N, C-alpha and C. Protein backbone atom coordinates (compact mmCIF):
# COMPACT_ATOMS: atom_id res chain seq x y z
N UNK A 1 158.14 79.74 -100.27
CA UNK A 1 157.05 79.97 -101.19
C UNK A 1 157.46 79.57 -102.61
N UNK A 2 158.70 79.85 -102.97
CA UNK A 2 159.17 79.44 -104.29
C UNK A 2 159.14 77.93 -104.42
N UNK A 3 159.57 77.23 -103.38
CA UNK A 3 159.57 75.77 -103.41
C UNK A 3 158.15 75.22 -103.50
N UNK A 4 157.19 75.98 -103.03
CA UNK A 4 155.81 75.57 -103.08
C UNK A 4 155.12 75.88 -104.40
N UNK A 5 155.86 76.53 -105.32
CA UNK A 5 155.31 76.80 -106.64
C UNK A 5 154.96 78.24 -106.93
N UNK A 6 155.10 79.12 -105.95
CA UNK A 6 154.81 80.53 -106.19
C UNK A 6 155.90 81.15 -107.05
N UNK A 7 155.52 82.06 -107.89
CA UNK A 7 156.51 82.77 -108.70
C UNK A 7 157.02 83.98 -107.93
N UNK A 8 158.14 84.50 -108.38
CA UNK A 8 158.68 85.70 -107.76
C UNK A 8 157.67 86.84 -107.86
N UNK A 9 157.01 86.95 -108.98
CA UNK A 9 156.01 88.02 -109.17
C UNK A 9 154.85 87.87 -108.18
N UNK A 10 154.41 86.64 -107.94
CA UNK A 10 153.32 86.42 -106.99
C UNK A 10 153.74 86.81 -105.57
N UNK A 11 154.95 86.45 -105.21
CA UNK A 11 155.46 86.79 -103.88
C UNK A 11 155.53 88.30 -103.72
N UNK A 12 156.07 88.96 -104.72
CA UNK A 12 156.20 90.42 -104.65
C UNK A 12 154.83 91.10 -104.62
N UNK A 13 153.85 90.53 -105.28
CA UNK A 13 152.50 91.10 -105.26
C UNK A 13 151.86 90.92 -103.88
N UNK A 14 152.11 89.78 -103.25
CA UNK A 14 151.53 89.50 -101.93
C UNK A 14 152.23 90.27 -100.81
N UNK A 15 153.50 90.58 -101.01
CA UNK A 15 154.30 91.27 -100.00
C UNK A 15 154.96 92.49 -100.64
N UNK A 16 154.22 93.58 -100.77
CA UNK A 16 154.72 94.75 -101.51
C UNK A 16 155.94 95.42 -100.88
N UNK A 17 156.23 95.12 -99.63
CA UNK A 17 157.40 95.71 -98.99
C UNK A 17 158.69 94.97 -99.36
N UNK A 18 158.57 93.82 -100.05
CA UNK A 18 159.75 93.09 -100.51
C UNK A 18 160.18 93.57 -101.88
N UNK A 19 161.45 93.38 -102.16
CA UNK A 19 162.01 93.70 -103.47
C UNK A 19 162.66 92.43 -104.03
N UNK A 20 162.86 92.38 -105.34
CA UNK A 20 163.49 91.18 -105.93
C UNK A 20 164.80 90.80 -105.26
N UNK A 21 165.58 91.78 -104.83
CA UNK A 21 166.85 91.48 -104.15
C UNK A 21 166.61 90.75 -102.83
N UNK A 22 165.48 90.99 -102.18
CA UNK A 22 165.17 90.28 -100.93
C UNK A 22 165.00 88.79 -101.19
N UNK A 23 164.34 88.45 -102.28
CA UNK A 23 164.14 87.04 -102.62
C UNK A 23 165.48 86.39 -102.95
N UNK A 24 166.30 87.07 -103.73
CA UNK A 24 167.61 86.53 -104.08
C UNK A 24 168.47 86.35 -102.83
N UNK A 25 168.41 87.31 -101.91
CA UNK A 25 169.19 87.21 -100.68
C UNK A 25 168.76 86.01 -99.85
N UNK A 26 167.45 85.74 -99.81
CA UNK A 26 166.99 84.59 -99.04
C UNK A 26 167.46 83.28 -99.68
N UNK A 27 167.50 83.23 -101.00
CA UNK A 27 168.00 82.03 -101.68
C UNK A 27 169.49 81.85 -101.45
N UNK A 28 170.25 82.93 -101.47
CA UNK A 28 171.68 82.85 -101.20
C UNK A 28 171.94 82.38 -99.78
N UNK A 29 171.14 82.87 -98.83
CA UNK A 29 171.28 82.46 -97.44
C UNK A 29 170.99 80.97 -97.30
N UNK A 30 169.91 80.51 -97.90
CA UNK A 30 169.54 79.09 -97.82
C UNK A 30 170.62 78.21 -98.44
N UNK A 31 171.16 78.63 -99.57
CA UNK A 31 172.22 77.86 -100.23
C UNK A 31 173.45 77.78 -99.33
N UNK A 32 173.79 78.86 -98.66
CA UNK A 32 174.95 78.85 -97.78
C UNK A 32 174.72 77.93 -96.58
N UNK A 33 173.49 77.87 -96.09
CA UNK A 33 173.20 77.04 -94.92
C UNK A 33 173.28 75.55 -95.24
N UNK A 34 172.89 75.16 -96.43
CA UNK A 34 172.93 73.73 -96.74
C UNK A 34 174.32 73.28 -97.18
N UNK A 35 175.25 74.22 -97.30
CA UNK A 35 176.60 73.90 -97.71
C UNK A 35 177.50 73.62 -96.50
N UNK A 36 176.95 73.65 -95.28
CA UNK A 36 177.73 73.42 -94.07
C UNK A 36 177.87 71.92 -93.81
N UNK A 37 178.99 71.57 -93.22
CA UNK A 37 179.19 70.17 -92.84
C UNK A 37 178.22 69.80 -91.72
N UNK A 38 177.80 68.56 -91.71
CA UNK A 38 176.89 68.06 -90.67
C UNK A 38 177.66 67.11 -89.79
N UNK A 39 177.63 67.36 -88.49
CA UNK A 39 178.31 66.50 -87.53
C UNK A 39 177.24 65.80 -86.71
N UNK A 40 177.26 64.47 -86.73
CA UNK A 40 176.30 63.69 -85.98
C UNK A 40 176.95 63.15 -84.72
N UNK A 41 176.32 63.35 -83.59
CA UNK A 41 176.83 62.83 -82.33
C UNK A 41 176.34 61.39 -82.17
N UNK A 42 177.22 60.55 -81.73
CA UNK A 42 176.86 59.14 -81.57
C UNK A 42 176.26 58.86 -80.22
């Protein structure tokens, strides 16, 4: 949603069960996932 242009405040308003730390945790997870080596099979 952030990549699509939504602000953190908009996300939190749409999903009241989320907290700011939830958004930060999802960004940290995504950053960790793209930092992995990619192995291509030939």
